N, C-alpha and C. Protein backbone atom coordinates (compact mmCIF):
# COMPACT_ATOMS: atom_id res chain seq x y z
N UNK A 1 50.44 28.47 46.32
CA UNK A 1 49.83 29.31 46.84
C UNK A 1 50.12 30.66 45.88
N UNK A 2 51.32 30.51 45.19
CA UNK A 2 51.97 31.52 44.16
C UNK A 2 51.21 31.53 43.38
N UNK A 3 50.25 30.05 42.89
CA UNK A 3 49.59 29.93 41.60
C UNK A 3 48.67 30.71 42.09
N UNK A 4 47.91 30.23 43.03
CA UNK A 4 46.41 31.15 43.83
C UNK A 4 46.91 32.34 43.73
N UNK A 5 47.98 32.99 44.16
CA UNK A 5 48.13 34.23 44.14
C UNK A 5 48.03 35.20 42.79
N UNK A 6 48.67 34.44 41.96
CA UNK A 6 48.82 34.69 40.44
C UNK A 6 47.40 34.83 39.91
N UNK A 7 46.41 33.48 40.35
CA UNK A 7 44.77 33.42 39.67
C UNK A 7 44.09 34.72 40.77
N UNK A 8 44.69 35.20 41.75
CA UNK A 8 43.56 35.98 42.52
C UNK A 8 44.11 37.66 41.67
N UNK A 9 45.66 37.83 41.46
CA UNK A 9 46.19 38.68 41.04
C UNK A 9 45.33 39.02 39.55
N UNK A 10 45.37 37.90 38.73
CA UNK A 10 44.50 37.98 37.33
C UNK A 10 43.26 38.36 37.56
N UNK A 11 42.47 37.63 38.53
CA UNK A 11 41.02 38.20 38.93
C UNK A 11 40.99 39.52 39.27
N UNK A 12 41.76 39.91 39.99
CA UNK A 12 41.77 41.48 40.37
C UNK A 12 41.96 42.11 39.26
N UNK A 13 42.85 41.47 38.16
CA UNK A 13 42.87 42.08 36.97
C UNK A 13 41.80 42.88 35.99
N UNK A 14 41.26 41.32 36.36
CA UNK A 14 40.05 40.99 34.93
C UNK A 14 39.19 42.12 35.94
N UNK A 15 39.17 42.26 37.02
CA UNK A 15 37.92 43.03 37.80
C UNK A 15 38.19 44.25 37.44
N UNK A 16 39.27 44.59 37.75
CA UNK A 16 39.79 46.37 37.40
C UNK A 16 39.52 46.72 36.04
N UNK A 17 40.16 45.54 35.09
CA UNK A 17 39.40 45.91 33.90
C UNK A 17 37.68 45.93 33.52
N UNK A 18 37.27 45.14 33.96
CA UNK A 18 35.74 45.26 33.86
C UNK A 18 35.33 46.49 34.58
N UNK A 19 36.02 47.07 35.52
CA UNK A 19 35.24 48.14 36.38
C UNK A 19 35.94 49.22 35.55
N UNK A 20 37.18 49.30 34.58
CA UNK A 20 37.30 50.70 34.03
C UNK A 20 36.50 50.62 32.87
N UNK A 21 35.91 49.15 32.34
CA UNK A 21 35.13 49.28 31.27
C UNK A 21 34.06 49.84 31.68
N UNK A 22 33.34 49.22 33.10
CA UNK A 22 31.91 49.94 33.17
C UNK A 22 32.29 51.20 33.36
N UNK A 23 33.44 51.79 33.92
CA UNK A 23 33.01 53.28 34.13
C UNK A 23 33.34 54.14 32.76
N UNK A 24 34.31 53.43 32.03
CA UNK A 24 34.15 54.17 30.68
C UNK A 24 33.05 54.08 29.91
N UNK A 25 32.29 52.99 29.93
CA UNK A 25 30.71 53.20 29.46
C UNK A 25 29.71 54.10 30.15
N UNK A 26 29.75 53.84 31.19
CA UNK A 26 29.06 55.18 32.48
C UNK A 26 29.88 56.56 32.06
N UNK A 27 30.79 56.55 31.55
CA UNK A 27 31.06 58.04 30.84
C UNK A 27 30.69 58.39 29.83
N UNK A 28 30.62 57.44 28.75
CA UNK A 28 30.43 57.44 27.51
C UNK A 28 28.61 57.77 27.66
N UNK A 29 28.16 56.94 28.42
CA UNK A 29 26.14 57.10 28.44
C UNK A 29 26.09 58.58 29.23
N UNK A 30 27.45 59.05 29.96
CA UNK A 30 26.90 60.43 31.02
C UNK A 30 26.94 61.29 29.76
N UNK A 31 28.02 60.99 28.60
CA UNK A 31 28.41 62.03 27.61
C UNK A 31 27.46 62.29 26.62
N UNK A 32 26.67 60.78 26.05
CA UNK A 32 25.55 61.14 25.25
C UNK A 32 24.48 61.48 26.26
N UNK A 33 24.00 61.39 27.43
CA UNK A 33 23.08 61.98 27.95
C UNK A 33 23.27 63.11 27.99
N UNK A 34 24.27 63.71 28.06
CA UNK A 34 24.74 65.40 28.43
C UNK A 34 24.54 66.01 26.87
N UNK A 35 24.67 65.48 25.81
CA UNK A 35 24.63 65.88 24.51
C UNK A 35 23.29 65.80 24.39
N UNK A 36 22.50 64.92 24.90
CA UNK A 36 21.06 64.77 24.52
C UNK A 36 20.20 65.80 25.10
N UNK A 37 20.86 66.24 26.32
CA UNK A 37 19.95 67.11 27.43
C UNK A 37 20.39 68.16 26.48
N UNK A 38 21.74 68.45 26.02
CA UNK A 38 21.49 70.00 25.11
C UNK A 38 20.94 69.95 24.13
N UNK A 39 21.05 68.89 23.76
CA UNK A 39 19.87 69.13 22.13
C UNK A 39 19.22 69.29 22.86
N UNK A 40 18.31 68.61 23.64
CA UNK A 40 16.95 68.91 24.08
C UNK A 40 16.54 70.31 24.51
N UNK A 41 17.64 70.75 25.40
CA UNK A 41 16.97 72.34 26.25
C UNK A 41 17.44 73.18 24.59
N UNK A 42 17.91 72.71 23.76
CA UNK A 42 18.26 73.45 22.63
C UNK A 42 16.62 73.36 21.47
N UNK A 43 16.29 72.31 21.68
CA UNK A 43 14.80 72.14 20.88
C UNK A 43 13.39 72.76 22.10
N UNK A 44 13.78 72.55 23.35
CA UNK A 44 13.09 73.69 23.97
C UNK A 44 13.02 74.78 23.65
N UNK A 45 14.14 75.49 23.50
CA UNK A 45 14.16 76.45 23.38
C UNK A 45 13.67 77.03 21.93
N UNK A 46 13.73 76.17 21.08
CA UNK A 46 13.61 76.63 19.63
C UNK A 46 11.96 76.45 19.70
N UNK A 47 11.39 75.57 20.41
CA UNK A 47 9.82 75.22 20.42
C UNK A 47 9.03 76.30 21.00
N UNK A 48 10.48 76.78 22.04
CA UNK A 48 9.31 77.93 22.99
C UNK A 48 9.45 79.25 21.89
N UNK A 49 10.49 79.60 20.84
CA UNK A 49 10.87 80.67 19.61
C UNK A 49 9.74 80.59 19.28
N UNK A 50 9.23 79.12 18.64
CA UNK A 50 8.06 78.65 17.72
C UNK A 50 6.98 79.16 18.15
N UNK A 51 6.73 78.63 19.30
CA UNK A 51 5.37 79.30 19.92
C UNK A 51 5.08 80.71 20.14
N UNK A 52 6.16 81.32 20.48
CA UNK A 52 6.01 82.36 20.89
C UNK A 52 5.98 83.25 19.33
N UNK A 53 6.51 82.84 18.07
CA UNK A 53 6.18 83.48 16.60
C UNK A 53 4.79 83.21 16.79
N UNK A 54 4.54 81.35 16.76
CA UNK A 54 2.83 81.30 16.23
C UNK A 54 2.00 82.22 17.28
N UNK A 55 2.59 82.23 18.34
CA UNK A 55 1.05 83.63 19.28
C UNK A 55 1.42 84.79 18.25
N UNK A 56 2.44 85.27 17.93
CA UNK A 56 2.58 86.62 17.04
C UNK A 56 2.21 86.42 15.83
N UNK A 57 1.95 85.70 15.07
CA UNK A 57 1.04 84.99 13.89
C UNK A 57 -0.07 85.23 14.09
N UNK A 58 -0.57 84.60 15.11
CA UNK A 58 -1.73 84.29 15.42
C UNK A 58 -2.70 85.67 16.02
N UNK A 59 -1.84 86.52 16.26
CA UNK A 59 -2.23 87.78 16.87
C UNK A 59 -2.42 88.65 15.55
N UNK A 60 -1.37 88.94 14.39
CA UNK A 60 -1.18 89.41 13.31
C UNK A 60 -2.48 88.60 12.60
N UNK A 61 -2.65 87.62 12.54
CA UNK A 61 -3.82 87.35 11.93
C UNK A 61 -5.52 87.98 12.68
N UNK A 62 -5.55 87.68 13.66
CA UNK A 62 -6.58 88.01 14.19
C UNK A 62 -6.66 89.89 13.71
N UNK A 63 -5.61 90.71 14.12
CA UNK A 63 -5.48 91.98 13.23
C UNK A 63 -6.35 92.01 11.76
N UNK A 64 -5.53 91.46 10.95
CA UNK A 64 -5.95 91.18 9.57
C UNK A 64 -7.50 90.48 9.39
N UNK A 65 -7.69 89.99 10.41
CA UNK A 65 -9.22 89.82 9.90
C UNK A 65 -9.94 90.89 10.60
N UNK A 66 -9.61 91.76 11.78
CA UNK A 66 -10.57 92.59 11.93
C UNK A 66 -10.31 93.58 10.88
N UNK A 67 -9.17 94.00 10.10
CA UNK A 67 -8.98 94.66 8.98
C UNK A 67 -10.00 94.34 8.09
N UNK A 68 -9.95 93.02 7.18
CA UNK A 68 -10.96 92.44 6.90
C UNK A 68 -12.04 92.32 6.78
N UNK A 69 -12.68 92.26 8.20
CA UNK A 69 -14.04 92.79 8.44
C UNK A 69 -14.47 93.99 8.59
N UNK A 70 -13.33 94.90 8.79
CA UNK A 70 -14.07 96.41 8.59
C UNK A 70 -13.78 96.76 7.19
N UNK A 71 -12.91 96.41 6.12
CA UNK A 71 -12.84 96.68 4.91
C UNK A 71 -14.23 96.21 4.28
N UNK A 72 -14.76 95.22 4.67
CA UNK A 72 -16.00 94.25 4.28
C UNK A 72 -17.14 95.27 4.61
N UNK A 73 -17.23 95.50 5.67
CA UNK A 73 -18.63 96.98 6.18
C UNK A 73 -18.16 98.11 5.23
N UNK A 74 -16.42 98.63 5.06
CA UNK A 74 -17.06 99.69 4.15
C UNK A 74 -17.18 99.55 3.29
N UNK A 75 -16.96 98.62 2.05
CA UNK A 75 -17.06 98.38 1.00
C UNK A 75 -18.73 97.81 1.10
N UNK A 76 -19.19 97.28 1.84
CA UNK A 76 -20.88 97.25 1.89
C UNK A 76 -21.71 98.37 2.30
N UNK A 77 -21.06 99.19 3.36
CA UNK A 77 -21.62 100.43 3.24
C UNK A 77 -21.31 101.68 2.18
N UNK A 78 -20.33 101.14 1.56
CA UNK A 78 -19.91 102.24 -0.07
C UNK A 78 -21.45 101.75 -1.26
N UNK A 79 -21.64 100.48 -0.88
CA UNK A 79 -22.44 99.80 -2.03
C UNK A 79 -23.68 100.54 -1.73
N UNK A 80 -24.06 100.23 -0.43
CA UNK A 80 -25.43 100.59 -0.04
C UNK A 80 -25.50 102.36 -0.17
N UNK A 81 -24.46 103.37 -0.15
CA UNK A 81 -24.41 104.36 -0.49
C UNK A 81 -24.34 104.96 -2.15
N UNK A 82 -23.95 103.87 -2.79
CA UNK A 82 -24.18 104.02 -3.68
C UNK A 82 -25.21 103.67 -4.35
N UNK A 83 -25.75 102.49 -4.05
CA UNK A 83 -27.31 102.48 -4.80
C UNK A 83 -28.38 103.63 -4.12
N UNK A 84 -27.89 104.30 -2.96
CA UNK A 84 -28.89 104.98 -2.54
C UNK A 84 -28.83 106.53 -2.99
N UNK A 85 -27.57 106.55 -3.46
CA UNK A 85 -27.14 107.76 -4.41
C UNK A 85 -27.91 107.45 -6.21
N UNK A 86 -27.82 106.32 -6.64
CA UNK A 86 -28.41 105.93 -7.73
C UNK A 86 -30.03 106.02 -7.91
N UNK A 87 -30.44 105.62 -6.82
CA UNK A 87 -31.86 105.36 -6.72
C UNK A 87 -32.18 107.11 -6.40
N UNK A 88 -31.35 108.05 -5.84
CA UNK A 88 -31.64 109.30 -5.82
C UNK A 88 -31.81 110.12 -7.04
N UNK A 89 -30.34 109.48 -7.87
CA UNK A 89 -30.15 110.33 -9.00
C UNK A 89 -31.64 109.89 -10.13
N UNK A 90 -32.11 108.73 -9.74
CA UNK A 90 -33.09 108.68 -10.87
C UNK A 90 -34.40 109.35 -10.70
N UNK A 91 -34.52 109.31 -9.30
CA UNK A 91 -35.60 110.12 -8.78
C UNK A 91 -35.28 111.67 -9.12
N UNK A 92 -34.35 112.29 -8.91
CA UNK A 92 -33.78 113.50 -9.32
C UNK A 92 -34.25 113.75 -11.03
N UNK A 93 -34.01 112.68 -11.63
CA UNK A 93 -33.68 112.85 -13.04
C UNK A 93 -35.44 112.55 -13.51
N UNK A 94 -36.10 111.83 -13.10
CA UNK A 94 -37.53 111.84 -13.15
C UNK A 94 -38.42 112.81 -13.04
N UNK A 95 -37.54 113.55 -11.87
CA UNK A 95 -38.43 114.72 -11.44
C UNK A 95 -37.74 116.05 -12.50
N UNK A 96 -36.68 116.10 -12.98
CA UNK A 96 -36.29 116.71 -13.78
C UNK A 96 -37.27 116.69 -15.22
N UNK A 97 -37.49 115.72 -15.67
CA UNK A 97 -37.93 115.12 -16.77
C UNK A 97 -39.72 115.70 -16.42
N UNK A 98 -40.10 115.42 -15.49
CA UNK A 98 -41.14 116.09 -14.92
C UNK A 98 -41.35 117.95 -15.22
N UNK A 99 -40.56 118.32 -14.44
CA UNK A 99 -40.22 119.63 -14.33
C UNK A 99 -40.02 120.50 -16.16
N UNK A 100 -39.57 119.58 -16.64
CA UNK A 100 -39.26 120.38 -17.87
C UNK A 100 -40.31 119.82 -19.15
N UNK A 101 -41.20 118.79 -18.64
CA UNK A 101 -42.65 118.62 -19.23
C UNK A 101 -43.71 120.20 -19.02
N UNK A 102 -43.47 120.15 -17.58
CA UNK A 102 -44.26 121.29 -17.14
C UNK A 102 -43.87 122.77 -17.64
N UNK A 103 -42.51 122.80 -17.55
CA UNK A 103 -41.89 124.28 -18.25
C UNK A 103 -42.34 124.42 -19.59
N UNK A 104 -42.34 123.17 -20.49
CA UNK A 104 -42.56 123.24 -21.71
C UNK A 104 -44.19 123.68 -21.93
N UNK A 105 -45.05 122.91 -21.23
CA UNK A 105 -46.08 123.34 -20.82
C UNK A 105 -46.78 124.86 -20.86
N UNK A 106 -45.90 125.30 -19.46
CA UNK A 106 -45.85 126.61 -19.13
C UNK A 106 -45.70 128.27 -20.35
N UNK A 107 -44.26 127.46 -20.96
CA UNK A 107 -43.79 128.26 -21.97
C UNK A 107 -44.80 128.39 -23.30
N UNK A 108 -45.64 127.00 -23.39
CA UNK A 108 -46.73 127.21 -24.53
C UNK A 108 -47.66 128.16 -23.96
N UNK A 109 -48.15 127.83 -22.80
CA UNK A 109 -49.15 128.77 -22.19
C UNK A 109 -48.96 130.34 -22.39
N UNK A 110 -47.22 130.29 -21.98
CA UNK A 110 -46.98 131.84 -22.35
C UNK A 110 -47.21 132.65 -23.40
N UNK A 111 -46.72 131.67 -24.57
CA UNK A 111 -46.58 131.80 -25.84
C UNK A 111 -48.07 132.14 -26.12
N UNK A 112 -48.72 131.69 -25.90
CA UNK A 112 -50.27 131.57 -26.17
C UNK A 112 -51.02 132.86 -25.62
N UNK A 113 -50.50 133.23 -24.30
CA UNK A 113 -51.33 134.06 -23.65
C UNK A 113 -50.41 135.28 -24.52
N UNK A 114 -49.35 135.46 -24.94
CA UNK A 114 -48.75 136.58 -25.42
C UNK A 114 -49.21 137.00 -26.63
N UNK A 115 -49.58 135.84 -27.50
CA UNK A 115 -50.17 136.11 -28.21
C UNK A 115 -51.39 136.71 -28.39
N UNK A 116 -52.32 136.01 -27.35
CA UNK A 116 -53.47 136.68 -26.97
C UNK A 116 -53.27 138.26 -26.55
N UNK A 117 -52.59 138.48 -25.77
CA UNK A 117 -52.35 139.97 -25.20
C UNK A 117 -51.94 140.66 -26.53
N UNK A 118 -51.04 140.38 -27.42
CA UNK A 118 -50.74 140.97 -28.64
C UNK A 118 -52.05 141.33 -29.39
N UNK A 119 -52.59 140.44 -29.17
CA UNK A 119 -54.29 140.64 -30.37
C UNK A 119 -55.10 141.32 -29.13
N UNK A 120 -55.34 141.60 -28.26
CA UNK A 120 -55.86 142.25 -27.72
C UNK A 120 -55.68 143.64 -27.69
N UNK A 121 -54.15 143.89 -27.72
CA UNK A 121 -53.45 145.26 -28.10
C UNK A 121 -53.74 145.79 -29.06
N UNK A 122 -53.51 144.82 -30.10
CA UNK A 122 -53.91 145.29 -31.50
C UNK A 122 -55.26 145.72 -31.68
N UNK A 123 -56.40 144.89 -30.98
CA UNK A 123 -57.52 145.10 -30.79
C UNK A 123 -58.22 146.68 -30.64
N UNK A 124 -57.19 146.74 -29.27
CA UNK A 124 -57.65 148.07 -28.53
C UNK A 124 -57.09 149.12 -29.43
N UNK A 125 -55.59 149.03 -30.14
CA UNK A 125 -55.29 150.24 -30.59
C UNK A 125 -56.11 150.14 -31.91
N UNK A 126 -56.96 149.25 -32.93
CA UNK A 126 -57.43 149.50 -33.68
C UNK A 126 -59.17 150.16 -33.08
N UNK A 127 -59.03 149.64 -31.68
CA UNK A 127 -60.81 150.65 -31.37
C UNK A 127 -60.65 151.83 -30.86
N UNK A 128 -59.10 152.35 -30.25
CA UNK A 128 -58.99 153.55 -29.98
C UNK A 128 -58.61 154.41 -31.15
N UNK A 129 -58.10 153.97 -32.57
CA UNK A 129 -58.20 154.91 -33.49
C UNK A 129 -59.64 154.93 -33.87
N UNK A 130 -60.48 154.14 -33.94
CA UNK A 130 -62.16 153.81 -34.27
C UNK A 130 -62.35 155.42 -33.73
N UNK A 131 -62.50 155.17 -32.26
CA UNK A 131 -63.08 156.16 -31.03
C UNK A 131 -62.32 157.64 -31.54
N UNK A 132 -61.16 157.53 -32.00
CA UNK A 132 -60.70 158.81 -31.88
C UNK A 132 -61.09 159.76 -33.03
N UNK A 133 -61.60 158.55 -34.47
CA UNK A 133 -62.44 159.05 -35.66
C UNK A 133 -63.75 159.26 -35.14
N UNK A 134 -64.31 158.32 -34.49
CA UNK A 134 -65.55 158.95 -34.27
C UNK A 134 -65.66 160.02 -33.45
N UNK A 135 -64.47 160.44 -32.36
CA UNK A 135 -64.30 161.74 -31.89
C UNK A 135 -64.24 163.12 -32.42
N UNK A 136 -63.60 162.98 -33.64
CA UNK A 136 -63.41 163.80 -34.54
C UNK A 136 -64.51 164.20 -35.21
N UNK A 137 -65.19 162.92 -35.88
CA UNK A 137 -65.99 163.39 -36.84
C UNK A 137 -67.71 164.00 -35.92
N UNK A 138 -67.25 163.41 -34.74
CA UNK A 138 -68.18 163.80 -33.62
C UNK A 138 -68.08 165.23 -33.36
N UNK A 139 -67.05 165.68 -33.21
CA UNK A 139 -66.30 167.17 -32.93
C UNK A 139 -66.65 167.98 -34.48
N UNK A 140 -66.37 167.27 -35.56
CA UNK A 140 -66.85 168.36 -36.71
C UNK A 140 -68.53 168.18 -36.62
N UNK A 141 -69.22 167.03 -36.50
CA UNK A 141 -70.64 167.61 -36.81
C UNK A 141 -71.28 168.64 -35.33
N UNK A 142 -70.44 168.53 -34.56
CA UNK A 142 -70.82 169.41 -33.42
C UNK A 142 -70.32 170.88 -33.95
N UNK A 143 -69.23 171.14 -34.47
CA UNK A 143 -69.08 172.27 -34.81
C UNK A 143 -69.59 172.96 -36.33
N UNK A 144 -70.01 171.87 -37.14
CA UNK A 144 -71.50 172.36 -38.25
C UNK A 144 -72.16 173.10 -37.45
N UNK A 145 -72.80 172.18 -36.76
CA UNK A 145 -74.29 172.41 -36.05
C UNK A 145 -74.07 173.64 -35.48
N UNK A 146 -73.05 174.10 -34.82
CA UNK A 146 -72.76 175.33 -34.19
C UNK A 146 -73.00 176.10 -34.97
């Protein structure tokens, strides 16, 4: 009986030790699980922060794309205006050259007309002098005949 009691007592001790070991393992597993849960929670927070940052960066990228598109449109409009301005300047230069040629022709014609006018004035002055001379001669002849 005593041996059986000792054997039962030994079995109880072994069961108690096994139960204690099992409880220790469960506590270790629970501690590991809690640590992993904390790490997962921290990772979830990091993931959320990264997603938030990604959204901000995507929004910034969209804004930059809009600015780039706007700048490209402005650059294209500027090039169009420069091209139109160059074309207009070329037209104006051509017109100025044509007008310069016309002005030279007008100036030449004016110089020719002024020369002709001077010649006519000289001819008139000469004819008036002759007329005066003829009048004087006529007056002298008229005075002699009287």
